[in-house]
C-alpha cells in the first residue's frame, strides 16, 4: 500500500501582511503544500522556525528589526535544518549571490513569484539551488568569460585537477542532488561523500557548502548539462 506523499510545510517571513497573504495563496493552492505560520520580524521568525520546524522558510530581506540577511545567518548558526528561499524585491544581481553565501538555497524576485515560487520551493526541497534563468545565464557568462573569476581559466584548471570520483560528486552537486542521493547513486557512504566534498572545496579554494553548490551549478550550466 503506497503512503501519501509528505506535505511540504512552509513558513512565510515578510513585514507586509498583504505580501504574506498573496504568497501564501500561491503556495496553498498547490496540492501537497501547507503554510504553517507567518512572521513579520527575524526574532518572531526564528522562534517559529525552532518550534514548527518548517521544511522551507520563504523570507524577504527587508524585515522589522534585523534584516533577512542576518536572519539567514542566525538560521544557519543555529543549525536549523529548514531550507531558505529568499523572495525579495531587491535586485538579484546584487543580493542573490550574497544570500547563497550566507546559506540560502535560492532567490526569487517578487515580480516573478507568481510564476516561479512553487517550482523554486520544489527545487530547494530536492536539494538544489534555485536562481532565475536570467541570473544563472549572467553568472555563467561572468564565470566563463569574466576577468574576475574565470571558470574557463583558473577555476577550469582547478576542476580539471579533481579525481574521477570527485568530479562525479561535483557534477551531481551541480545537478542539484543531495548528499544522500549522491551516496546512493555512487554506492558510497554519506561520510565518504562528505569527505569528497571537503576535498573538492579545498582544491577549488572554496570556503563553504553554498559556495561549492553555486560553483557546481554554474559549471554544469557552462558545460551545457
Protein backbone atom coordinates (compact mmCIF):
# COMPACT_ATOMS: atom_id res chain seq x y z
CA UNK A 1 0.00 0.00 0.00
CA UNK A 2 1.52 3.33 -1.07
CA UNK A 3 1.65 6.05 1.55
CA UNK A 4 0.50 9.56 0.73
CA UNK A 5 3.29 11.95 -0.30
CA UNK A 6 4.61 14.09 2.55
CA UNK A 7 3.25 17.61 2.84
CA UNK A 8 5.80 20.38 2.27
CA UNK A 9 5.49 22.82 5.16
CA UNK A 10 6.33 26.49 4.61
CA UNK A 11 6.87 29.45 6.92
CA UNK A 12 6.40 32.94 5.44
CA UNK A 13 8.55 35.81 6.67
CA UNK A 14 7.73 39.28 5.35
CA UNK A 15 6.94 42.59 7.03
CA UNK A 16 3.94 43.24 4.76
CA UNK A 17 0.76 41.25 5.63
CA UNK A 18 -0.63 41.69 2.11
CA UNK A 19 2.51 40.18 0.58
CA UNK A 20 2.41 37.25 3.02
CA UNK A 21 -1.21 36.63 2.12
CA UNK A 22 -0.51 36.75 -1.61
CA UNK A 23 2.45 34.39 -1.46
CA UNK A 24 0.53 32.14 0.93
CA UNK A 25 -2.32 31.83 -1.55
CA UNK A 26 0.10 30.92 -4.34
CA UNK A 27 1.60 28.18 -2.21
CA UNK A 28 -1.52 26.70 -0.63
CA UNK A 29 -3.38 26.37 -3.91
CA UNK A 30 -0.77 23.78 -4.87
CA UNK A 31 -1.59 20.25 -3.60
CA UNK A 32 0.84 18.97 -1.01
CA UNK A 33 1.84 22.38 0.36
CA UNK A 34 0.94 23.85 3.75
CA UNK A 35 1.74 27.25 5.24
CA UNK A 36 2.42 26.59 8.93
CA UNK A 37 2.99 30.16 10.04
CA UNK A 38 3.70 33.79 9.23
CA UNK A 39 6.20 36.18 10.79
CA UNK A 40 6.99 39.85 10.24
CA UNK A 41 10.33 40.04 12.05
CA UNK A 42 13.50 37.98 12.28
CA UNK A 43 13.04 37.36 16.01
CA UNK A 44 9.49 36.11 15.53
CA UNK A 45 10.56 34.01 12.56
CA UNK A 46 13.45 32.36 14.42
CA UNK A 47 11.16 31.38 17.28
CA UNK A 48 8.63 29.90 14.84
CA UNK A 49 11.30 28.01 12.90
CA UNK A 50 12.57 26.40 16.09
CA UNK A 51 9.09 25.49 17.23
CA UNK A 52 7.35 24.50 14.00
CA UNK A 53 10.35 23.18 12.04
CA UNK A 54 9.09 24.09 8.55
CA UNK A 55 10.62 22.40 5.51
CA UNK A 56 11.10 25.74 3.78
CA UNK A 57 11.36 29.30 5.08
CA UNK A 58 10.30 31.85 2.46
CA UNK A 59 11.68 35.19 3.55
CA UNK A 60 12.12 38.76 2.40
CA UNK A 61 15.32 40.71 3.01
CA UNK A 62 13.53 43.75 4.42
CA UNK A 63 12.07 42.88 7.84
CA UNK A 64 11.20 44.69 11.04
CA UNK A 65 14.36 44.93 13.11
CA UNK A 66 17.06 42.50 11.99
CA UNK A 67 17.36 42.12 8.21
CA UNK A 68 16.69 38.99 6.22
CA UNK A 69 20.42 38.61 5.63
CA UNK A 70 21.02 38.46 9.37
CA UNK A 71 18.13 36.02 9.76
CA UNK A 72 19.75 33.66 7.25
CA UNK A 73 22.96 33.84 9.33
CA UNK A 74 21.02 33.08 12.53
CA UNK A 75 19.19 30.14 10.96
CA UNK A 76 22.47 28.58 9.83
CA UNK A 77 24.30 29.43 13.08
CA UNK A 78 21.55 27.61 15.00
CA UNK A 79 21.96 24.58 12.66
CA UNK A 80 18.25 24.62 11.86
CA UNK A 81 17.50 22.21 9.00
CA UNK A 82 14.92 24.32 7.16
CA UNK A 83 15.67 25.26 3.56
CA UNK A 84 15.73 29.02 2.95
CA UNK A 85 14.23 30.62 -0.14
CA UNK A 86 14.56 34.40 -0.44
CA UNK A 87 11.68 36.16 -2.21
CA UNK A 88 12.56 39.82 -2.49
CA UNK A 89 12.14 42.99 -4.49
CA UNK A 90 15.88 43.67 -4.19
CA UNK A 91 17.91 43.25 -7.36
CA UNK A 92 19.00 39.62 -7.58
CA UNK A 93 22.21 40.66 -9.35
CA UNK A 94 23.27 42.41 -6.16
CA UNK A 95 21.79 40.21 -3.43
CA UNK A 96 21.32 36.65 -4.72
CA UNK A 97 24.97 35.60 -4.55
CA UNK A 98 25.33 37.20 -1.13
CA UNK A 99 22.29 35.27 0.16
CA UNK A 100 23.63 31.98 -1.19
CA UNK A 101 26.98 32.58 0.51
CA UNK A 102 25.19 33.05 3.83
CA UNK A 103 23.34 29.77 3.43
CA UNK A 104 20.16 30.47 1.44
CA UNK A 105 19.08 27.81 -1.04
CA UNK A 106 17.53 30.06 -3.65
CA UNK A 107 16.47 33.55 -4.68
CA UNK A 108 13.24 34.68 -6.37
CA UNK A 109 12.32 38.21 -7.40
CA UNK A 110 8.88 39.17 -6.07
CA UNK A 111 7.77 40.26 -9.53
CA UNK A 112 8.33 36.67 -10.72
CA UNK A 113 6.98 34.89 -7.63
CA UNK A 114 3.57 34.08 -9.12
CA UNK A 115 5.19 32.07 -11.91
CA UNK A 116 8.12 30.56 -10.04
CA UNK A 117 7.51 30.23 -6.29
CA UNK A 118 6.20 26.65 -6.34
CA UNK A 119 8.93 25.43 -8.69
CA UNK A 120 11.54 27.19 -6.57
CA UNK A 121 10.27 25.52 -3.39
CA UNK A 122 10.32 22.12 -5.06
CA UNK A 123 13.85 22.73 -6.31
CA UNK A 124 15.28 23.59 -2.92
CA UNK A 125 13.35 20.73 -1.30
CA UNK A 126 15.10 18.39 -3.74
CA UNK A 127 18.43 19.69 -2.54
CA UNK A 128 19.05 22.06 -5.43
CA UNK A 129 19.77 25.77 -5.65
CA UNK A 130 17.14 27.96 -7.31
CA UNK A 131 18.12 31.02 -9.35
CA UNK A 132 16.27 32.66 -12.21
CA UNK A 133 17.35 31.72 -15.71
CA UNK A 134 18.44 35.32 -16.24
CA UNK A 135 20.71 35.33 -13.21
CA UNK A 136 22.04 31.86 -13.96
CA UNK A 137 22.98 32.92 -17.50
CA UNK A 138 24.61 36.11 -16.23
CA UNK A 139 26.55 34.16 -13.61
CA UNK A 140 27.73 31.60 -16.13
CA UNK A 141 28.80 34.34 -18.55
CA UNK A 142 30.69 36.10 -15.78
CA UNK A 143 32.39 32.94 -14.57
CA UNK A 144 33.21 31.68 -18.05
CA UNK A 145 34.17 34.92 -19.73
CA UNK A 146 34.67 37.43 -16.93
CA UNK A 147 38.02 38.71 -15.75
CA UNK A 148 37.49 38.39 -12.04
CA UNK A 149 36.67 34.70 -11.67
CA UNK A 150 37.08 32.68 -14.81
CA UNK A 151 35.76 29.13 -14.74
CA UNK A 152 37.31 28.57 -18.14
CA UNK A 153 40.66 29.76 -16.83
CA UNK A 154 41.81 29.38 -13.23
CA UNK A 155 38.75 27.60 -11.90
CA UNK A 156 38.60 25.44 -15.02
CA UNK A 157 42.10 24.18 -14.33
CA UNK A 158 41.12 23.53 -10.71
CA UNK A 159 38.09 21.48 -11.77
CA UNK A 160 40.36 19.51 -14.09
CA UNK A 161 42.54 18.65 -11.08
CA UNK A 162 39.69 16.78 -9.37
CA UNK A 163 39.92 13.00 -9.21
CA UNK A 164 37.45 10.92 -11.23
CA UNK A 165 35.31 10.29 -8.15
CA UNK A 166 35.50 13.93 -7.03
CA UNK A 167 34.42 15.06 -10.47
CA UNK A 168 31.43 12.70 -10.32
CA UNK A 169 30.44 14.17 -6.96
CA UNK A 170 30.98 17.71 -8.26
CA UNK A 171 28.76 17.08 -11.29
CA UNK A 172 25.96 15.60 -9.18
CA UNK A 173 26.14 18.61 -6.86
CA UNK A 174 25.82 20.76 -9.98
CA UNK A 175 22.64 18.88 -10.88
CA UNK A 176 21.16 19.79 -7.51
CA UNK A 177 21.44 16.35 -5.93
CA UNK A 178 21.57 15.83 -2.17
CA UNK A 179 24.45 14.19 -0.32
CA UNK A 180 22.34 11.13 0.43
CA UNK A 181 21.28 10.79 -3.21
CA UNK A 182 24.90 11.12 -4.35
CA UNK A 183 25.94 8.42 -1.87
CA UNK A 184 23.24 6.06 -3.13
CA UNK A 185 23.96 6.89 -6.77
CA UNK A 186 27.70 6.23 -6.44
CA UNK A 187 27.47 3.37 -3.95
CA UNK A 188 29.28 5.31 -1.23
CA UNK A 189 28.58 6.14 2.38
CA UNK A 190 27.32 9.61 3.26
CA UNK A 191 30.53 10.11 5.27
CA UNK A 192 32.64 9.34 2.21
CA UNK A 193 30.69 11.78 0.05
CA UNK A 194 31.15 14.46 2.70
CA UNK A 195 34.90 13.75 2.63
CA UNK A 196 34.93 14.12 -1.16
CA UNK A 197 33.05 17.42 -0.87
CA UNK A 198 35.59 18.68 1.66
CA UNK A 199 38.43 17.75 -0.69
CA UNK A 200 36.69 19.46 -3.61
CA UNK A 201 36.24 22.67 -1.61
CA UNK A 202 39.94 22.62 -0.73
CA UNK A 203 41.04 22.04 -4.33
CA UNK A 204 38.72 24.75 -5.69
CA UNK A 205 39.58 27.26 -2.99
CA UNK A 206 36.01 27.37 -1.63
CA UNK A 207 35.08 28.08 1.97
CA UNK A 208 31.52 26.83 2.33
CA UNK A 209 28.93 24.35 1.06
CA UNK A 210 26.87 27.15 -0.59
CA UNK A 211 29.99 28.29 -2.46
CA UNK A 212 30.52 24.74 -3.69
CA UNK A 213 26.90 24.35 -4.73
CA UNK A 214 26.89 27.68 -6.58
CA UNK A 215 30.08 26.94 -8.50
CA UNK A 216 28.99 23.38 -9.33
CA UNK A 217 25.66 24.62 -10.71
CA UNK A 218 27.29 27.31 -12.85
CA UNK A 219 29.95 24.90 -14.04
CA UNK A 220 27.34 22.37 -15.19
CA UNK A 221 25.43 25.16 -16.94
CA UNK A 222 28.60 26.25 -18.72
CA UNK A 223 29.06 22.67 -19.92
CA UNK A 224 25.53 22.63 -21.36
CA UNK A 225 24.49 19.95 -18.86
